[in-house]
């Protein structure tokens, strides 16, 4: 390469170039900023307090099902009667009584309206060998399915499965058995 062309390319690369005027393309887009959330606005549109009030109004007062110990043994019938249901913020306070295999005991507990978690304590001591005092029922599906967590490690616990049922009748009639057509 001749010397004048080599010097010219060196001078062009070393000399500052003026900034172009007008619009210039840059391969960069400005990030879009999300609108700020004020303290009065919530990020969630879910209302656990409203759901707790709805649960307190509409929850069935009678639940029927069965209790089965984890350590084996026969399944026994279970009936849960809710006498008082009160919403307290996002919690629903439950008070009533539970009957397992013909033995009845008062219960107190709560349901978290946001997570549907149940904690149910047995207040009586007359459940004999089925449920020892000091344990509790805990569930993640409301009242429909819960597990008995005993106070001691020597007791295996059990499973309480309930579904909404009709209120117990005062006197059972001697009606016939209803059978399907086929």
N, C-alpha and C. Protein backbone atom coordinates (compact mmCIF):
# COMPACT_ATOMS: atom_id res chain seq x y z
N UNK A 1 0.86 -1.16 0.00
CA UNK A 1 0.00 0.00 0.00
C UNK A 1 0.91 1.23 0.00
N UNK A 2 0.57 2.19 -0.81
CA UNK A 2 1.39 3.39 -0.82
C UNK A 2 1.28 4.13 0.50
N UNK A 3 2.30 4.83 0.85
CA UNK A 3 2.40 5.53 2.13
C UNK A 3 1.32 6.59 2.33
N UNK A 4 0.92 7.40 1.33
CA UNK A 4 -0.11 8.39 1.60
C UNK A 4 -1.46 7.76 1.94
N UNK A 5 -1.81 6.62 1.36
CA UNK A 5 -3.09 5.97 1.71
C UNK A 5 -3.04 5.37 3.11
N UNK A 6 -1.93 4.84 3.52
CA UNK A 6 -1.79 4.28 4.86
C UNK A 6 -1.90 5.36 5.91
N UNK A 7 -1.31 6.53 5.67
CA UNK A 7 -1.41 7.64 6.61
C UNK A 7 -2.83 8.18 6.65
N UNK A 8 -3.50 8.20 5.53
CA UNK A 8 -4.86 8.72 5.48
C UNK A 8 -5.81 7.85 6.30
N UNK A 9 -5.69 6.54 6.21
CA UNK A 9 -6.57 5.67 6.99
C UNK A 9 -6.27 5.79 8.48
N UNK A 10 -4.99 5.99 8.83
CA UNK A 10 -4.63 6.17 10.24
C UNK A 10 -5.20 7.47 10.77
N UNK A 11 -5.14 8.52 9.99
CA UNK A 11 -5.66 9.81 10.42
C UNK A 11 -7.18 9.78 10.53
N UNK A 12 -7.86 9.08 9.64
CA UNK A 12 -9.31 8.99 9.72
C UNK A 12 -9.77 8.23 10.97
N UNK A 13 -9.06 7.21 11.33
CA UNK A 13 -9.45 6.43 12.50
C UNK A 13 -9.14 7.18 13.79
N UNK A 14 -8.13 8.01 13.80
CA UNK A 14 -7.73 8.70 15.02
C UNK A 14 -8.49 10.00 15.21
N UNK A 15 -9.10 10.54 14.18
CA UNK A 15 -9.77 11.83 14.33
C UNK A 15 -11.18 11.62 14.89
N UNK A 16 -11.58 12.51 15.78
CA UNK A 16 -12.94 12.39 16.32
C UNK A 16 -13.98 12.72 15.26
N UNK A 17 -15.08 11.99 15.32
CA UNK A 17 -16.16 12.27 14.38
C UNK A 17 -17.24 13.03 15.11
N UNK A 18 -17.82 14.01 14.49
CA UNK A 18 -18.88 14.76 15.14
C UNK A 18 -20.14 13.90 15.29
N UNK A 19 -20.90 14.14 16.37
CA UNK A 19 -22.13 13.40 16.61
C UNK A 19 -23.16 13.78 15.57
N UNK A 20 -23.85 12.79 15.01
CA UNK A 20 -24.83 13.12 13.99
C UNK A 20 -26.04 13.81 14.61
N UNK A 21 -26.61 14.70 13.87
CA UNK A 21 -27.80 15.41 14.34
C UNK A 21 -29.03 14.67 13.84
N UNK A 22 -30.15 14.85 14.55
CA UNK A 22 -31.38 14.19 14.15
C UNK A 22 -31.52 12.84 14.85
N UNK A 23 -32.43 12.02 14.34
CA UNK A 23 -32.68 10.72 14.96
C UNK A 23 -31.62 9.73 14.59
N UNK A 24 -31.18 9.03 15.60
CA UNK A 24 -30.15 8.02 15.40
C UNK A 24 -30.72 6.70 15.91
N UNK A 25 -30.48 5.65 15.20
CA UNK A 25 -30.96 4.32 15.61
C UNK A 25 -29.98 3.71 16.60
N UNK A 26 -30.50 3.34 17.75
CA UNK A 26 -29.73 2.59 18.73
C UNK A 26 -30.46 1.27 18.95
N UNK A 27 -29.80 0.15 18.94
CA UNK A 27 -30.49 -1.12 19.15
C UNK A 27 -30.83 -1.33 20.63
N UNK A 28 -31.57 -0.42 21.19
CA UNK A 28 -31.93 -0.47 22.60
C UNK A 28 -33.29 0.17 22.75
N UNK A 29 -34.17 -0.48 23.42
CA UNK A 29 -35.48 0.11 23.69
C UNK A 29 -35.58 0.42 25.17
N UNK A 30 -36.17 1.51 25.46
CA UNK A 30 -36.32 1.92 26.84
C UNK A 30 -37.31 0.99 27.52
N UNK A 31 -36.98 0.50 28.72
CA UNK A 31 -37.91 -0.40 29.40
C UNK A 31 -39.19 0.33 29.78
N UNK A 32 -40.28 -0.39 29.66
CA UNK A 32 -41.57 0.16 30.04
C UNK A 32 -41.71 -0.02 31.55
N UNK A 33 -41.98 1.06 32.22
CA UNK A 33 -42.09 1.03 33.67
C UNK A 33 -43.55 0.78 34.02
N UNK A 34 -43.78 -0.22 34.87
CA UNK A 34 -45.13 -0.53 35.31
C UNK A 34 -45.61 0.58 36.23
N UNK A 35 -46.90 0.84 36.24
CA UNK A 35 -47.40 1.87 37.15
C UNK A 35 -47.16 1.45 38.60
N UNK A 36 -46.84 2.42 39.41
CA UNK A 36 -46.55 2.12 40.81
C UNK A 36 -47.83 1.72 41.53
N UNK A 37 -47.68 0.82 42.48
CA UNK A 37 -48.81 0.38 43.28
C UNK A 37 -48.83 1.22 44.54
N UNK A 38 -49.92 1.91 44.74
CA UNK A 38 -50.03 2.72 45.94
C UNK A 38 -50.46 1.84 47.10
N UNK A 39 -50.24 2.27 48.34
CA UNK A 39 -50.63 1.44 49.48
C UNK A 39 -52.12 1.11 49.52
N UNK A 40 -52.95 1.94 48.90
CA UNK A 40 -54.38 1.65 48.93
C UNK A 40 -54.76 0.61 47.89
N UNK A 41 -53.91 0.44 46.87
CA UNK A 41 -54.18 -0.58 45.86
C UNK A 41 -53.55 -1.88 46.30
N UNK A 42 -54.22 -2.97 46.09
CA UNK A 42 -53.63 -4.26 46.38
C UNK A 42 -53.12 -4.90 45.11
N UNK A 43 -52.14 -5.71 45.27
CA UNK A 43 -51.64 -6.46 44.13
C UNK A 43 -52.60 -7.60 43.82
N UNK A 44 -53.14 -8.20 44.87
CA UNK A 44 -54.10 -9.29 44.70
C UNK A 44 -55.51 -8.74 44.58
N UNK A 45 -56.30 -9.38 43.77
CA UNK A 45 -57.71 -9.01 43.69
C UNK A 45 -58.56 -9.94 44.55
N UNK A 46 -57.93 -10.92 45.20
CA UNK A 46 -58.63 -11.89 46.04
C UNK A 46 -58.93 -11.26 47.40
N UNK A 47 -60.12 -11.46 47.91
CA UNK A 47 -60.53 -10.88 49.18
C UNK A 47 -60.77 -11.98 50.20
N UNK A 48 -59.78 -12.33 51.03
CA UNK A 48 -59.97 -13.40 52.00
C UNK A 48 -60.97 -13.05 53.10
N UNK A 49 -61.09 -11.77 53.42
CA UNK A 49 -62.05 -11.36 54.45
C UNK A 49 -63.48 -11.57 53.94
N UNK A 50 -63.72 -11.21 52.70
CA UNK A 50 -65.03 -11.44 52.10
C UNK A 50 -65.34 -12.93 51.96
N UNK A 51 -64.32 -13.72 51.63
CA UNK A 51 -64.53 -15.17 51.52
C UNK A 51 -64.82 -15.78 52.88
N UNK A 52 -64.18 -15.27 53.94
CA UNK A 52 -64.45 -15.77 55.29
C UNK A 52 -65.91 -15.50 55.67
N UNK A 53 -66.42 -14.34 55.32
CA UNK A 53 -67.82 -14.04 55.60
C UNK A 53 -68.75 -14.96 54.80
N UNK A 54 -68.37 -15.22 53.56
CA UNK A 54 -69.17 -16.11 52.72
C UNK A 54 -69.16 -17.54 53.26
N UNK A 55 -67.99 -18.00 53.71
CA UNK A 55 -67.90 -19.34 54.30
C UNK A 55 -68.77 -19.43 55.54
N UNK A 56 -68.71 -18.40 56.40
CA UNK A 56 -69.49 -18.41 57.64
C UNK A 56 -70.99 -18.47 57.36
N UNK A 57 -71.42 -17.84 56.28
CA UNK A 57 -72.85 -17.85 55.95
C UNK A 57 -73.28 -19.17 55.32
N UNK A 58 -72.44 -19.75 54.46
CA UNK A 58 -72.88 -20.86 53.62
C UNK A 58 -72.36 -22.24 54.00
N UNK A 59 -71.46 -22.34 54.95
CA UNK A 59 -70.91 -23.66 55.28
C UNK A 59 -72.00 -24.54 55.87
N UNK A 60 -72.10 -25.78 55.44
CA UNK A 60 -73.09 -26.68 56.03
C UNK A 60 -72.80 -26.90 57.51
N UNK A 61 -73.84 -27.00 58.30
CA UNK A 61 -73.67 -27.14 59.75
C UNK A 61 -73.49 -28.59 60.18
N UNK A 62 -73.79 -29.53 59.30
CA UNK A 62 -73.63 -30.95 59.62
C UNK A 62 -72.73 -31.60 58.58
N UNK A 63 -71.73 -32.34 59.06
CA UNK A 63 -70.80 -33.06 58.20
C UNK A 63 -70.76 -34.51 58.66
N UNK A 64 -70.83 -35.44 57.72
CA UNK A 64 -70.81 -36.86 58.04
C UNK A 64 -69.69 -37.55 57.26
N UNK A 65 -69.18 -38.61 57.85
CA UNK A 65 -68.13 -39.35 57.17
C UNK A 65 -67.58 -40.44 58.06
N UNK A 66 -66.26 -40.63 58.00
CA UNK A 66 -65.64 -41.71 58.77
C UNK A 66 -64.26 -41.28 59.26
N UNK A 67 -63.84 -41.96 60.32
CA UNK A 67 -62.50 -41.79 60.87
C UNK A 67 -61.82 -43.15 60.85
N UNK A 68 -60.61 -43.18 60.32
CA UNK A 68 -59.85 -44.44 60.24
C UNK A 68 -58.46 -44.21 60.81
N UNK A 69 -58.08 -44.98 61.84
CA UNK A 69 -56.74 -44.84 62.41
C UNK A 69 -55.66 -45.27 61.41
N UNK A 70 -54.51 -44.59 61.45
CA UNK A 70 -53.40 -44.93 60.55
C UNK A 70 -52.78 -46.28 60.90
N UNK A 71 -52.82 -46.66 62.15
CA UNK A 71 -52.19 -47.90 62.58
C UNK A 71 -53.01 -49.13 62.31
N UNK A 72 -54.03 -49.03 61.52
CA UNK A 72 -54.91 -50.17 61.25
C UNK A 72 -56.15 -50.06 62.12
N UNK A 73 -57.04 -50.95 61.92
CA UNK A 73 -58.29 -50.90 62.68
C UNK A 73 -59.44 -50.52 61.78
N UNK A 74 -60.61 -50.70 62.32
CA UNK A 74 -61.82 -50.47 61.55
C UNK A 74 -62.13 -48.99 61.45
N UNK A 75 -62.76 -48.64 60.37
CA UNK A 75 -63.24 -47.28 60.17
C UNK A 75 -64.51 -47.08 61.01
N UNK A 76 -64.62 -45.95 61.68
CA UNK A 76 -65.79 -45.68 62.52
C UNK A 76 -66.54 -44.48 61.95
N UNK A 77 -67.87 -44.46 62.13
CA UNK A 77 -68.64 -43.32 61.62
C UNK A 77 -68.31 -42.05 62.40
N UNK A 78 -68.35 -40.92 61.69
CA UNK A 78 -68.05 -39.62 62.29
C UNK A 78 -69.11 -38.61 61.88
N UNK A 79 -69.51 -37.78 62.83
CA UNK A 79 -70.46 -36.71 62.57
C UNK A 79 -69.92 -35.45 63.24
N UNK A 80 -69.84 -34.37 62.48
CA UNK A 80 -69.41 -33.08 63.01
C UNK A 80 -70.57 -32.11 62.91
N UNK A 81 -70.99 -31.58 64.04
CA UNK A 81 -72.07 -30.60 64.11
C UNK A 81 -71.45 -29.25 64.43
N UNK A 82 -71.62 -28.27 63.56
CA UNK A 82 -71.13 -26.92 63.82
C UNK A 82 -72.26 -26.11 64.45
N UNK A 83 -72.06 -25.69 65.68
CA UNK A 83 -73.09 -24.92 66.40
C UNK A 83 -72.93 -23.42 66.19
N UNK A 84 -71.68 -22.96 66.09
CA UNK A 84 -71.41 -21.53 65.95
C UNK A 84 -70.28 -21.35 64.94
N UNK A 85 -70.53 -20.53 63.92
CA UNK A 85 -69.54 -20.23 62.89
C UNK A 85 -69.44 -18.72 62.77
N UNK A 86 -68.25 -18.17 63.06
CA UNK A 86 -68.07 -16.72 63.12
C UNK A 86 -66.87 -16.30 62.27
N UNK A 87 -67.05 -15.33 61.35
CA UNK A 87 -65.88 -14.84 60.61
C UNK A 87 -65.07 -13.87 61.47
N UNK A 88 -63.75 -14.03 61.48
CA UNK A 88 -62.84 -13.15 62.21
C UNK A 88 -61.71 -12.77 61.26
N UNK A 89 -61.88 -11.70 60.52
CA UNK A 89 -60.88 -11.33 59.51
C UNK A 89 -60.90 -12.36 58.40
N UNK A 90 -59.73 -12.91 58.08
CA UNK A 90 -59.67 -13.95 57.05
C UNK A 90 -59.82 -15.34 57.64
N UNK A 91 -60.09 -15.43 58.94
CA UNK A 91 -60.30 -16.71 59.61
C UNK A 91 -61.78 -16.91 59.89
N UNK A 92 -62.18 -18.16 59.96
CA UNK A 92 -63.55 -18.51 60.34
C UNK A 92 -63.46 -19.36 61.59
N UNK A 93 -64.05 -18.87 62.68
CA UNK A 93 -64.03 -19.57 63.97
C UNK A 93 -65.15 -20.60 63.98
N UNK A 94 -64.81 -21.84 64.34
CA UNK A 94 -65.77 -22.95 64.36
C UNK A 94 -65.92 -23.47 65.78
N UNK A 95 -67.15 -23.70 66.21
CA UNK A 95 -67.42 -24.33 67.50
C UNK A 95 -68.57 -25.29 67.32
N UNK A 96 -68.44 -26.45 67.94
CA UNK A 96 -69.48 -27.45 67.80
C UNK A 96 -69.11 -28.71 68.54
N UNK A 97 -69.51 -29.85 67.98
CA UNK A 97 -69.18 -31.13 68.60
C UNK A 97 -68.97 -32.18 67.53
N UNK A 98 -68.14 -33.16 67.87
CA UNK A 98 -67.85 -34.26 66.97
C UNK A 98 -68.23 -35.56 67.65
N UNK A 99 -68.80 -36.47 66.88
CA UNK A 99 -69.15 -37.79 67.38
C UNK A 99 -68.39 -38.83 66.58
N UNK A 100 -67.63 -39.65 67.28
CA UNK A 100 -66.90 -40.76 66.65
C UNK A 100 -67.30 -42.04 67.36
N UNK A 101 -67.82 -42.98 66.62
CA UNK A 101 -68.24 -44.28 67.16
C UNK A 101 -69.18 -44.11 68.34
N UNK A 102 -70.07 -43.14 68.28
CA UNK A 102 -71.05 -42.94 69.33
C UNK A 102 -70.59 -42.08 70.50
N UNK A 103 -69.34 -41.71 70.57
CA UNK A 103 -68.84 -40.84 71.64
C UNK A 103 -68.76 -39.41 71.12
N UNK A 104 -69.29 -38.48 71.90
CA UNK A 104 -69.37 -37.08 71.48
C UNK A 104 -68.48 -36.21 72.34
N UNK A 105 -67.84 -35.24 71.71
CA UNK A 105 -66.95 -34.33 72.41
C UNK A 105 -67.04 -32.94 71.77
N UNK A 106 -66.95 -31.88 72.57
CA UNK A 106 -66.95 -30.53 71.97
C UNK A 106 -65.65 -30.26 71.21
N UNK A 107 -65.76 -29.44 70.16
CA UNK A 107 -64.60 -29.07 69.35
C UNK A 107 -64.58 -27.56 69.15
N UNK A 108 -63.39 -27.06 68.91
CA UNK A 108 -63.20 -25.65 68.56
C UNK A 108 -62.08 -25.59 67.54
N UNK A 109 -62.25 -24.75 66.53
CA UNK A 109 -61.21 -24.66 65.52
C UNK A 109 -61.40 -23.46 64.62
N UNK A 110 -60.62 -23.45 63.54
CA UNK A 110 -60.75 -22.36 62.58
C UNK A 110 -60.35 -22.84 61.19
N UNK A 111 -60.87 -22.12 60.22
CA UNK A 111 -60.52 -22.33 58.82
C UNK A 111 -59.94 -21.03 58.30
N UNK A 112 -58.80 -21.10 57.66
CA UNK A 112 -58.20 -19.93 57.02
C UNK A 112 -58.85 -19.79 55.65
N UNK A 113 -59.54 -18.67 55.42
CA UNK A 113 -60.27 -18.49 54.17
C UNK A 113 -59.34 -18.32 52.98
N UNK A 114 -58.11 -17.92 53.22
CA UNK A 114 -57.16 -17.72 52.12
C UNK A 114 -56.54 -19.04 51.68
N UNK A 115 -56.14 -19.87 52.63
CA UNK A 115 -55.46 -21.12 52.29
C UNK A 115 -56.34 -22.36 52.43
N UNK A 116 -57.53 -22.21 52.99
CA UNK A 116 -58.47 -23.31 53.22
C UNK A 116 -57.91 -24.33 54.22
N UNK A 117 -57.01 -23.89 55.08
CA UNK A 117 -56.41 -24.77 56.09
C UNK A 117 -57.31 -24.85 57.31
N UNK A 118 -57.45 -26.06 57.83
CA UNK A 118 -58.29 -26.33 59.00
C UNK A 118 -57.42 -26.72 60.19
N UNK A 119 -57.75 -26.17 61.35
CA UNK A 119 -57.19 -26.61 62.64
C UNK A 119 -58.39 -26.83 63.55
N UNK A 120 -58.55 -28.05 64.06
CA UNK A 120 -59.70 -28.39 64.88
C UNK A 120 -59.23 -29.11 66.13
N UNK A 121 -59.54 -28.54 67.29
CA UNK A 121 -59.12 -29.10 68.57
C UNK A 121 -60.27 -29.81 69.25
N UNK A 122 -59.98 -30.96 69.85
CA UNK A 122 -60.97 -31.69 70.64
C UNK A 122 -60.88 -31.15 72.07
N UNK A 123 -61.98 -30.65 72.60
CA UNK A 123 -61.96 -30.05 73.93
C UNK A 123 -62.29 -31.04 75.03
N UNK A 124 -62.94 -32.12 74.72
CA UNK A 124 -63.31 -33.11 75.73
C UNK A 124 -62.26 -34.20 75.86
N UNK A 125 -62.43 -35.01 76.89
CA UNK A 125 -61.48 -36.11 77.13
C UNK A 125 -62.15 -37.47 77.05
N UNK A 126 -63.35 -37.54 76.52
CA UNK A 126 -64.10 -38.81 76.54
C UNK A 126 -64.06 -39.55 75.21
N UNK A 127 -63.01 -39.40 74.43
CA UNK A 127 -62.93 -40.11 73.15
C UNK A 127 -62.20 -41.43 73.28
N UNK A 128 -61.89 -41.85 74.46
CA UNK A 128 -61.23 -43.12 74.79
C UNK A 128 -59.98 -43.36 73.95
N UNK A 129 -59.89 -44.51 73.32
CA UNK A 129 -58.67 -44.87 72.60
C UNK A 129 -58.62 -44.29 71.19
N UNK A 130 -59.73 -43.76 70.69
CA UNK A 130 -59.71 -43.22 69.32
C UNK A 130 -58.85 -41.96 69.22
N UNK A 131 -59.12 -41.00 70.08
CA UNK A 131 -58.41 -39.73 70.05
C UNK A 131 -57.96 -39.38 71.46
N UNK A 132 -56.67 -39.20 71.63
CA UNK A 132 -56.15 -38.82 72.93
C UNK A 132 -56.23 -37.31 73.11
N UNK A 133 -56.42 -36.85 74.35
CA UNK A 133 -56.45 -35.40 74.59
C UNK A 133 -55.12 -34.76 74.20
N UNK A 134 -55.20 -33.55 73.68
CA UNK A 134 -54.00 -32.82 73.31
C UNK A 134 -53.69 -32.83 71.83
N UNK A 135 -54.32 -33.68 71.07
CA UNK A 135 -54.08 -33.72 69.63
C UNK A 135 -55.01 -32.77 68.90
N UNK A 136 -54.89 -32.76 67.60
CA UNK A 136 -55.75 -31.89 66.79
C UNK A 136 -55.90 -32.45 65.38
N UNK A 137 -56.99 -32.05 64.75
CA UNK A 137 -57.20 -32.36 63.34
C UNK A 137 -56.63 -31.20 62.53
N UNK A 138 -55.86 -31.53 61.51
CA UNK A 138 -55.34 -30.51 60.59
C UNK A 138 -55.63 -30.96 59.17
N UNK A 139 -56.06 -30.00 58.36
CA UNK A 139 -56.36 -30.33 56.97
C UNK A 139 -56.06 -29.18 56.04
N UNK A 140 -55.87 -29.50 54.78
CA UNK A 140 -55.61 -28.49 53.75
C UNK A 140 -56.78 -28.34 52.80
N UNK A 141 -57.86 -29.07 53.03
CA UNK A 141 -59.03 -29.03 52.16
C UNK A 141 -60.28 -28.66 52.94
N UNK A 142 -60.15 -27.76 53.88
CA UNK A 142 -61.30 -27.40 54.69
C UNK A 142 -61.70 -28.56 55.58
N UNK A 143 -63.00 -28.80 55.69
CA UNK A 143 -63.50 -29.87 56.55
C UNK A 143 -63.56 -31.22 55.85
N UNK A 144 -63.38 -31.26 54.54
CA UNK A 144 -63.61 -32.52 53.82
C UNK A 144 -62.57 -33.60 54.11
N UNK A 145 -61.31 -33.26 54.28
CA UNK A 145 -60.29 -34.26 54.55
C UNK A 145 -59.27 -33.68 55.51
N UNK A 146 -59.06 -34.37 56.62
CA UNK A 146 -58.07 -33.90 57.59
C UNK A 146 -57.43 -35.10 58.27
N UNK A 147 -56.32 -34.83 58.91
CA UNK A 147 -55.60 -35.88 59.61
C UNK A 147 -55.52 -35.57 61.09
N UNK A 148 -55.60 -36.62 61.90
CA UNK A 148 -55.47 -36.47 63.34
C UNK A 148 -54.00 -36.50 63.71
N UNK A 149 -53.53 -35.44 64.33
CA UNK A 149 -52.15 -35.36 64.80
C UNK A 149 -52.18 -35.52 66.31
N UNK A 150 -51.78 -36.67 66.82
CA UNK A 150 -51.84 -36.90 68.26
C UNK A 150 -50.76 -36.12 68.99
N UNK A 151 -50.96 -36.03 70.30
CA UNK A 151 -50.02 -35.31 71.15
C UNK A 151 -48.73 -36.10 71.35
N UNK A 152 -48.82 -37.42 71.33
CA UNK A 152 -47.65 -38.27 71.57
C UNK A 152 -47.24 -39.00 70.30
N UNK A 153 -45.98 -39.35 70.23
CA UNK A 153 -45.47 -40.07 69.06
C UNK A 153 -45.87 -41.54 69.04
N UNK A 154 -46.30 -42.07 70.18
CA UNK A 154 -46.66 -43.48 70.25
C UNK A 154 -48.03 -43.77 69.63
N UNK A 155 -48.82 -42.74 69.41
CA UNK A 155 -50.13 -42.89 68.78
C UNK A 155 -50.00 -42.54 67.30
N UNK A 156 -50.46 -43.41 66.41
CA UNK A 156 -50.21 -43.16 64.98
C UNK A 156 -51.08 -42.08 64.35
N UNK A 157 -52.16 -41.67 64.95
CA UNK A 157 -53.03 -40.68 64.32
C UNK A 157 -54.07 -41.36 63.46
N UNK A 158 -54.72 -40.58 62.60
CA UNK A 158 -55.75 -41.14 61.75
C UNK A 158 -56.22 -40.15 60.71
N UNK A 159 -57.19 -40.60 59.92
CA UNK A 159 -57.72 -39.81 58.81
C UNK A 159 -59.21 -39.60 59.01
N UNK A 160 -59.63 -38.35 58.98
CA UNK A 160 -61.03 -37.99 59.09
C UNK A 160 -61.50 -37.47 57.74
N UNK A 161 -62.44 -38.18 57.15
CA UNK A 161 -62.97 -37.78 55.85
C UNK A 161 -64.45 -37.48 56.02
N UNK A 162 -64.83 -36.23 55.73
CA UNK A 162 -66.20 -35.77 55.93
C UNK A 162 -66.76 -35.18 54.64
N UNK A 163 -68.07 -35.21 54.55
CA UNK A 163 -68.77 -34.52 53.47
C UNK A 163 -70.04 -33.94 54.06
N UNK A 164 -70.56 -32.86 53.46
CA UNK A 164 -71.79 -32.28 54.00
C UNK A 164 -72.91 -33.31 54.00
N UNK A 165 -73.61 -33.38 55.10
CA UNK A 165 -74.67 -34.37 55.22
C UNK A 165 -75.92 -33.77 55.79
N UNK A 166 -77.00 -34.51 55.75
CA UNK A 166 -78.26 -34.02 56.32
C UNK A 166 -78.17 -33.93 57.83
N UNK A 167 -78.97 -33.06 58.38
CA UNK A 167 -79.02 -32.92 59.83
C UNK A 167 -79.55 -34.21 60.44
N UNK A 168 -79.04 -34.59 61.61
CA UNK A 168 -79.53 -35.83 62.23
C UNK A 168 -80.99 -35.68 62.62
N UNK A 169 -81.74 -36.73 62.38
CA UNK A 169 -83.17 -36.70 62.71
C UNK A 169 -83.37 -37.09 64.17
N UNK A 170 -84.44 -36.56 64.75
CA UNK A 170 -84.72 -36.84 66.15
C UNK A 170 -85.13 -38.30 66.34
N UNK A 171 -85.96 -38.79 65.45
CA UNK A 171 -86.39 -40.19 65.53
C UNK A 171 -86.27 -40.81 64.16
N UNK A 172 -85.59 -41.92 64.10
CA UNK A 172 -85.45 -42.57 62.80
C UNK A 172 -86.67 -43.44 62.56
N UNK A 173 -87.27 -43.25 61.39
CA UNK A 173 -88.47 -44.02 61.05
C UNK A 173 -88.11 -45.42 60.62
N UNK A 174 -89.10 -46.27 60.54
CA UNK A 174 -88.86 -47.64 60.12
C UNK A 174 -89.25 -47.79 58.65
N UNK A 175 -88.77 -46.86 57.82
CA UNK A 175 -89.07 -46.91 56.40
C UNK A 175 -88.32 -48.05 55.74
N UNK A 176 -88.84 -48.50 54.60
CA UNK A 176 -88.22 -49.58 53.86
C UNK A 176 -86.95 -49.12 53.15
N UNK A 177 -86.22 -50.09 52.69
CA UNK A 177 -84.99 -49.82 51.97
C UNK A 177 -85.33 -49.40 50.55
N UNK A 178 -84.72 -48.35 50.06
CA UNK A 178 -84.95 -47.90 48.70
C UNK A 178 -83.90 -48.55 47.82
N UNK A 179 -84.37 -49.24 46.78
CA UNK A 179 -83.46 -49.93 45.87
C UNK A 179 -83.64 -49.42 44.46
N UNK A 180 -82.58 -49.51 43.68
CA UNK A 180 -82.64 -49.10 42.29
C UNK A 180 -83.45 -50.08 41.46
N UNK A 181 -83.82 -49.66 40.26
CA UNK A 181 -84.61 -50.53 39.40
C UNK A 181 -83.80 -51.67 38.83
N UNK A 182 -82.53 -51.50 38.57
CA UNK A 182 -81.70 -52.58 38.05
C UNK A 182 -80.34 -52.56 38.61
